[in-house]
Protein backbone atom coordinates (compact mmCIF):
# COMPACT_ATOMS: atom_id res chain seq x y z
CA MET A 1 147.62 177.60 188.23
CA ARG A 2 143.91 177.24 187.70
CA CYS A 3 142.38 173.94 186.57
CA GLY A 4 138.90 172.94 185.40
CA TRP A 5 138.37 175.29 182.42
CA GLY A 6 134.77 175.99 181.42
CA ILE A 7 133.54 175.43 177.88
CA ARG A 8 133.84 179.13 176.99
CA GLU A 9 137.46 179.26 178.12
CA TRP A 10 138.22 176.07 176.23
CA LEU A 11 136.78 177.52 173.03
CA VAL A 12 138.74 180.76 173.41
CA GLY A 13 141.87 178.68 173.88
CA LEU A 14 141.02 176.71 170.75
CA VAL A 15 140.70 179.94 168.77
CA ALA A 16 144.11 181.07 169.91
CA SER A 17 145.75 177.73 169.15
CA VAL A 18 144.24 177.42 165.69
CA ALA A 19 145.58 180.84 164.79
CA VAL A 20 149.20 179.75 165.28
CA LEU A 21 149.09 176.25 163.80
CA ALA A 22 149.97 175.90 160.13
CA PRO A 23 149.07 172.68 158.32
CA PRO A 24 151.99 170.80 156.73
CA GLY A 25 152.89 172.09 153.28
CA VAL A 26 151.29 175.51 153.80
CA ALA A 27 153.88 178.29 153.96
CA ARG A 28 153.34 181.08 156.46
CA ALA A 29 153.19 184.45 154.74
CA GLN A 30 154.33 187.61 156.48
CA ALA A 31 151.29 188.43 158.59
CA PRO A 32 149.48 191.70 157.84
CA ASP A 33 147.73 193.65 160.57
CA LEU A 34 144.62 191.50 160.91
CA GLN A 35 143.25 193.64 163.73
CA GLN A 36 143.23 196.62 161.41
CA ALA A 37 141.69 194.53 158.63
CA ALA A 38 138.93 193.35 160.96
CA ALA A 39 138.29 196.91 162.12
CA GLN A 40 137.53 197.96 158.54
CA VAL A 41 134.82 195.33 158.08
CA ARG A 42 133.48 194.93 161.61
CA PRO A 43 130.91 197.80 161.44
CA ALA A 44 129.35 196.25 158.30
CA VAL A 45 128.79 192.82 159.89
CA VAL A 46 125.39 192.60 161.57
CA ARG A 47 123.60 190.27 163.95
CA ILE A 48 120.36 188.76 162.60
CA THR A 49 117.82 187.24 164.96
CA TYR A 50 114.22 186.11 165.08
CA SER A 51 112.09 184.37 167.69
CA ILE A 52 110.02 181.23 167.36
CA VAL A 53 107.22 180.34 169.78
CA GLU A 54 106.44 176.62 169.99
CA THR A 55 103.81 174.80 172.02
CA ASP A 56 104.68 171.49 173.68
CA LEU A 57 102.38 168.52 174.29
CA PHE A 58 101.13 170.08 177.52
CA GLY A 59 100.14 173.35 175.87
CA ARG A 60 103.06 175.29 177.30
CA GLU A 61 104.69 177.89 175.09
CA ARG A 62 108.43 177.86 174.60
CA ARG A 63 110.28 180.72 172.94
CA SER A 64 113.62 180.19 171.21
CA THR A 65 115.84 182.64 169.35
CA SER A 66 117.66 181.94 166.09
CA VAL A 67 120.95 183.83 165.68
CA GLY A 68 122.92 184.46 162.50
CA SER A 69 125.13 187.06 160.88
CA GLY A 70 125.03 189.19 157.73
CA ILE A 71 127.15 191.63 155.74
CA ILE A 72 125.98 195.07 154.57
CA PHE A 73 126.97 195.31 150.91
CA ASP A 74 124.92 198.28 149.66
CA ARG A 75 124.31 201.71 151.22
CA ARG A 76 120.63 201.46 150.32
CA GLY A 77 120.29 198.99 153.17
CA TYR A 78 120.90 195.65 151.50
CA ILE A 79 122.44 192.85 153.56
CA VAL A 80 123.64 189.46 152.34
CA THR A 81 123.48 186.35 154.52
CA ASN A 82 122.92 182.59 154.27
CA ALA A 83 119.53 181.35 153.13
CA HIS A 84 119.41 178.97 156.10
CA VAL A 85 119.77 181.94 158.47
CA VAL A 86 116.45 183.48 157.38
CA GLU A 87 114.35 180.63 155.96
CA GLY A 88 112.67 179.68 159.22
CA ALA A 89 111.67 183.22 160.17
CA PRO A 90 107.91 183.56 160.76
CA GLY A 91 108.04 187.30 160.01
CA PRO A 92 110.37 190.30 159.96
CA LEU A 93 113.89 189.85 161.30
CA THR A 94 115.78 191.89 163.87
CA VAL A 95 119.06 193.33 162.55
CA GLU A 96 121.53 194.72 165.09
CA LEU A 97 124.50 196.89 164.10
CA LEU A 98 127.75 197.30 165.97
CA ASP A 99 126.91 200.99 166.54
CA GLY A 100 123.90 199.95 168.63
CA ARG A 101 121.14 200.47 166.08
CA VAL A 102 118.38 197.84 166.05
CA LEU A 103 116.50 197.66 162.75
CA THR A 104 113.80 195.56 161.13
CA GLY A 105 114.91 193.45 158.18
CA GLU A 106 112.72 192.22 155.33
CA VAL A 107 113.74 189.35 153.03
CA VAL A 108 114.26 190.53 149.42
CA GLY A 109 115.19 187.19 147.87
CA VAL A 110 116.47 183.73 148.75
CA ASP A 111 118.47 181.26 146.68
CA ARG A 112 118.47 178.06 148.68
CA TYR A 113 120.54 176.32 146.00
CA THR A 114 123.63 178.40 146.85
CA ASP A 115 122.52 179.22 150.42
CA VAL A 116 122.53 182.97 149.74
CA ALA A 117 119.81 185.45 150.77
CA VAL A 118 119.39 189.23 150.67
CA LEU A 119 117.65 191.39 153.29
CA ARG A 120 116.85 195.07 153.36
CA VAL A 121 116.70 197.52 156.25
CA ASN A 122 115.45 201.09 156.14
CA ALA A 123 118.28 203.25 157.48
CA GLN A 124 120.72 205.95 156.47
CA GLY A 125 124.48 206.22 156.88
CA LEU A 126 125.08 202.48 156.89
CA PRO A 127 128.65 201.11 156.87
CA VAL A 128 129.36 199.00 153.78
CA ALA A 129 131.90 196.21 153.48
CA ARG A 130 134.52 196.29 150.74
CA TRP A 131 134.55 193.09 148.66
CA GLY A 132 137.63 191.34 147.36
CA ASP A 133 138.27 188.93 144.47
CA SER A 134 137.92 185.39 145.88
CA SER A 135 139.59 183.89 142.79
CA LEU A 136 142.89 185.28 144.08
CA VAL A 137 142.93 183.56 147.49
CA THR A 138 146.02 181.43 148.13
CA PRO A 139 146.87 178.75 150.73
CA GLY A 140 148.69 180.22 153.69
CA GLU A 141 147.10 183.65 153.28
CA PRO A 142 146.28 185.20 156.69
CA VAL A 143 142.57 185.90 157.22
CA VAL A 144 140.14 186.79 159.97
CA VAL A 145 136.52 185.71 160.52
CA ILE A 146 133.84 188.03 161.90
CA GLY A 147 130.45 186.75 163.01
CA TYR A 148 127.94 186.95 165.86
CA THR A 149 128.15 183.57 167.54
CA PRO A 150 126.78 183.61 171.10
CA VAL A 151 129.49 181.12 172.05
CA LEU A 152 132.13 183.85 172.44
CA ASP A 153 131.98 187.05 174.50
CA ARG A 154 133.18 189.40 171.71
CA PRO A 155 132.81 187.42 168.46
CA TYR A 156 132.67 190.57 166.34
CA ASP A 157 136.30 191.34 167.24
CA GLY A 158 137.38 188.73 164.70
CA ARG A 159 139.29 185.45 164.88
CA PRO A 160 142.55 185.06 162.95
CA GLY A 161 143.74 182.11 160.93
CA MET A 162 144.71 181.26 157.38
CA ILE A 163 143.46 179.98 154.06
CA LEU A 164 143.93 176.22 153.63
CA GLY A 165 142.74 176.06 150.01
CA LEU A 166 139.58 175.29 148.03
CA ASP A 167 137.33 172.32 148.69
CA GLY A 168 136.87 170.42 145.43
CA GLU A 169 134.06 168.21 146.69
CA THR A 170 130.34 168.71 146.17
CA ILE A 171 128.71 169.24 149.57
CA LEU A 172 124.98 169.06 150.22
CA ILE A 173 123.65 171.18 153.09
CA SER A 174 119.89 171.24 153.69
CA GLY A 175 119.03 171.46 150.00
CA SER A 176 121.99 173.66 149.07
CA ILE A 177 124.71 172.37 146.76
CA HIS A 178 128.16 173.79 147.38
CA ARG A 179 131.33 173.41 145.32
CA ASP A 180 134.77 174.95 145.59
CA LEU A 181 134.17 176.47 149.00
CA ILE A 182 137.08 178.29 150.61
CA ARG A 183 138.67 176.24 153.39
CA SER A 184 140.16 178.07 156.35
CA SER A 185 141.57 177.24 159.78
CA VAL A 186 139.34 179.81 161.52
CA PRO A 187 136.69 178.28 163.80
CA ILE A 188 133.05 178.84 162.83
CA TYR A 189 130.42 178.43 165.53
CA PRO A 190 126.60 178.53 165.53
CA GLY A 191 125.57 182.12 164.79
CA ASP A 192 128.58 182.80 162.55
CA SER A 193 126.68 181.74 159.41
CA GLY A 194 126.42 184.69 157.03
CA GLY A 195 129.40 186.45 158.59
CA ALA A 196 132.57 187.58 156.83
CA LEU A 197 135.87 185.99 155.90
CA VAL A 198 138.27 188.94 155.58
CA ASP A 199 141.72 189.11 154.01
CA GLY A 200 144.70 191.12 155.24
CA THR A 201 143.65 194.23 153.30
CA GLY A 202 140.24 194.43 154.97
CA ALA A 203 138.28 193.04 151.99
CA VAL A 204 135.56 190.39 152.30
CA ILE A 205 136.65 187.30 150.33
CA GLY A 206 134.04 184.86 151.61
CA MET A 207 130.87 184.30 153.63
CA ASN A 208 130.83 181.81 156.50
CA VAL A 209 128.72 178.74 155.84
CA MET A 210 129.73 175.65 157.86
CA ARG A 211 132.23 173.60 159.82
CA ARG A 212 133.59 170.66 157.87
CA ARG A 213 133.08 167.19 159.28
CA GLU A 214 136.19 166.44 161.29
CA ASP A 215 138.70 163.87 160.04
CA PRO A 216 140.01 161.92 163.05
CA SER A 217 143.41 161.65 161.35
CA ALA A 218 143.72 165.41 160.81
CA GLN A 219 145.67 167.62 163.22
CA TRP A 220 143.40 170.62 162.65
CA SER A 221 139.81 171.35 161.69
CA GLU A 222 138.63 172.95 158.46
CA PHE A 223 135.93 175.59 158.17
CA LEU A 224 134.15 176.52 154.95
CA HIS A 225 133.16 179.81 153.33
CA ILE A 226 131.22 180.69 150.14
CA PRO A 227 133.60 182.62 147.81
CA SER A 228 132.86 186.34 147.65
CA ASN A 229 132.58 186.36 143.85
CA ARG A 230 129.73 183.84 144.03
CA VAL A 231 128.03 185.70 146.88
CA GLN A 232 128.12 188.99 144.96
CA THR A 233 126.79 187.42 141.76
CA ILE A 234 123.84 185.74 143.47
CA ALA A 235 123.07 188.77 145.66
CA ASN A 236 122.95 191.13 142.67
CA LEU A 237 120.69 188.74 140.74
CA LEU A 238 118.36 188.51 143.73
CA LEU A 239 118.20 192.30 143.85
CA LEU A 240 117.19 192.43 140.18
CA THR A 241 114.68 189.58 140.06
CA GLY A 242 114.00 188.35 143.60
CA LYS A 243 114.85 184.80 142.53
CA ILE A 244 117.35 182.76 140.50
CA SER A 245 116.15 180.74 137.51
CA ARG A 246 117.96 177.41 137.48
CA PRO A 247 118.06 174.55 134.95
CA PHE A 248 116.14 171.38 135.69
CA LEU A 249 115.97 167.93 134.06
CA GLY A 250 113.80 166.08 136.57
CA VAL A 251 116.11 163.16 137.29
CA SER A 252 117.67 161.56 140.36
CA ALA A 253 121.03 159.91 139.73
CA THR A 254 123.88 158.06 141.36
CA SER A 255 127.46 157.55 140.21
CA LEU A 256 127.88 154.36 138.20
CA THR A 257 130.98 152.55 139.46
CA PRO A 258 132.14 148.97 138.68
CA PRO A 259 130.64 147.61 141.95
CA VAL A 260 127.33 149.38 141.29
CA ALA A 261 127.31 148.19 137.68
CA ALA A 262 127.96 144.59 138.79
CA ARG A 263 125.12 144.77 141.30
CA LEU A 264 122.75 146.10 138.63
CA GLY A 265 123.91 143.61 136.02
CA LEU A 266 125.15 146.30 133.64
CA HIS A 267 128.03 145.91 131.18
CA HIS A 268 128.98 149.61 131.29
CA ASN A 269 130.48 151.09 134.45
CA ARG A 270 130.74 154.84 134.05
CA GLY A 271 128.25 157.68 133.90
CA ALA A 272 125.31 158.93 135.97
CA TYR A 273 122.83 156.11 136.53
CA LEU A 274 119.24 157.37 136.71
CA GLU A 275 117.50 155.96 139.76
CA ALA A 276 114.33 157.95 139.09
CA VAL A 277 112.93 160.09 136.29
CA ASP A 278 109.89 162.33 136.58
CA PRO A 279 107.75 161.26 133.58
CA ASN A 280 106.32 164.77 133.40
CA GLY A 281 109.71 166.46 133.68
CA PRO A 282 112.01 167.59 130.85
CA ALA A 283 114.02 164.34 130.75
CA GLY A 284 110.93 162.13 131.05
CA ARG A 285 109.14 163.92 128.20
CA ALA A 286 112.24 163.42 126.04
CA GLY A 287 112.18 159.65 126.58
CA LEU A 288 114.64 159.08 129.42
CA VAL A 289 113.59 156.46 131.96
CA ALA A 290 114.86 155.07 135.23
CA GLY A 291 117.69 152.62 134.49
CA ASP A 292 119.24 154.78 131.77
CA THR A 293 122.80 156.00 132.22
CA ILE A 294 123.74 159.49 131.05
CA ILE A 295 127.29 159.51 129.64
CA SER A 296 127.39 162.98 128.05
CA ILE A 297 125.43 166.24 127.72
CA GLU A 298 126.13 168.44 124.71
CA GLY A 299 129.29 166.44 124.07
CA THR A 300 130.69 166.95 127.58
CA PRO A 301 131.47 163.57 129.21
CA VAL A 302 129.48 162.63 132.29
CA ARG A 303 131.48 160.18 134.38
CA ASN A 304 129.49 160.35 137.62
CA ARG A 305 126.71 162.15 139.47
CA ASP A 306 128.84 165.23 140.19
CA ASP A 307 129.68 165.58 136.48
CA LEU A 308 125.96 165.41 135.71
CA GLN A 309 125.15 168.16 138.21
CA LEU A 310 127.94 170.37 136.88
CA ALA A 311 126.73 169.83 133.31
CA ILE A 312 123.15 170.71 134.27
CA ASP A 313 124.30 173.85 136.10
CA ARG A 314 125.80 175.17 132.85
CA LEU A 315 122.48 174.92 131.00
CA LEU A 316 119.73 177.51 130.64
CA PRO A 317 115.98 176.99 131.09
CA GLY A 318 114.43 176.60 127.64
CA GLN A 319 117.68 175.42 126.04
CA LEU A 320 117.56 172.38 123.71
CA VAL A 321 120.39 169.96 124.54
CA LEU A 322 121.53 166.55 123.30
CA VAL A 323 121.83 163.93 126.03
CA GLU A 324 123.70 160.71 125.28
CA VAL A 325 122.50 157.69 127.25
CA ILE A 326 123.05 153.96 127.53
CA HIS A 327 119.87 151.99 128.16
CA SER A 328 119.74 149.14 130.64
CA ASP A 329 119.91 146.63 127.77
CA GLY A 330 123.23 148.11 126.65
CA SER A 331 121.92 149.98 123.60
CA GLY A 332 122.77 153.64 123.16
CA ALA A 333 120.78 156.69 122.14
CA VAL A 334 121.06 160.46 121.84
CA LEU A 335 117.93 162.27 123.01
CA ALA A 336 116.95 165.93 122.60
CA VAL A 337 115.87 167.49 125.91
CA VAL A 338 114.34 170.92 126.44
CA VAL A 339 115.75 172.12 129.77
CA GLY A 340 113.15 173.14 132.33
CA GLU A 341 113.25 175.58 135.24
CA ARG A 342 113.86 174.21 138.72
CA PRO A 343 110.65 174.43 140.78
C-alpha cells in the first residue's frame, strides 16, 4: 500500500469518486456509454491560450499563460467559449486542436453579460460539435465534461457524472449575470471554462463556467454550466452583429425586505429599492430618484432586486414602459421610461 498521495492523484481520485456518488433524491438512470459520447465531441473541444508579460517592481519580466477551453460550433472556423477566457488577451489567441493543429484565433464578439464569446480560426476540415436541447436535461441524467485544465494529465478524455438540476439563483461573476445554470456533479477546474458538458448521446448541452461555492453541510460539490440553448442564441447573435444590444435603465437597486424597510424608515417593505439613479440615464430622465422603490414594470410585479433585473432583461432598447414606484414619503406614481441601451 502506498501512502502520501500527491495533489494530482488526489484530484484524480476525487473525479472517480464523484462519478459514482448520487445525491439523495436523484435516481440513477441506466448509464449510456459515456466514453463513446465523449469521443464524439472530444475533437471539437479546443485549448485556448495566450501569454501575458508583466514587469515587477525591480524591472524583471515575468511571463504567465492563461488557459481555457472552447467548442467548435461552425465549420467555417467559429469557436464559442467564455468571455472571461478571452477578455484579458493582449492580442491573438493560440487555439490547439486534439489532432495536433495549432491555429491563431481572433475574437469575433464578446457578450460579458452572459459570459459568452466567439472566436474564429482560419482552417479547413474542422470537427464540429453536435448541440443538444438544454431545456430537456433532467436530474440524474449521466453526463461527461470535456475541457483542457492543466490540473489533469488527460483532461480531454472527459470526466463522468450526472445532472443535479438547474440553479434558480442569480449569480454574479465578474460582471456577468447568470440564471438557471445547469448544475452537475462533474468537477470543473481552472482551464475547463468554455469546455463542453455532454449528454449520453454525444450532444453538447452546456458550456462549463464555474465551480459553485461549497456548502459545508453538503456531501458533494456542484459545478455549473451555461445551458446550450443560451450559448447558441448568444453565439449566433454575435456572429451577426458582433455585439448584443441590452436594455438599460441606469439604476442600482437592492431588495426591500422588512428589516431594510425598518432601517430606512419606510412603511412599505417589498420591491426594488433604488440606492442610486443616474440622472442622465433613462430612469433619471423619467423622474426616478434614489430612495424610490420600483414595485412593477409594465404591470409585472417587482418584489425584489432579482425581479427587477428579470423585468429589465425582457425589455428592448427604445421601448416605452410604465414603471410603478413608491416614493420615500409613501406616495405612489407611474412613470413612463424610454429604455436605453446598456453601455
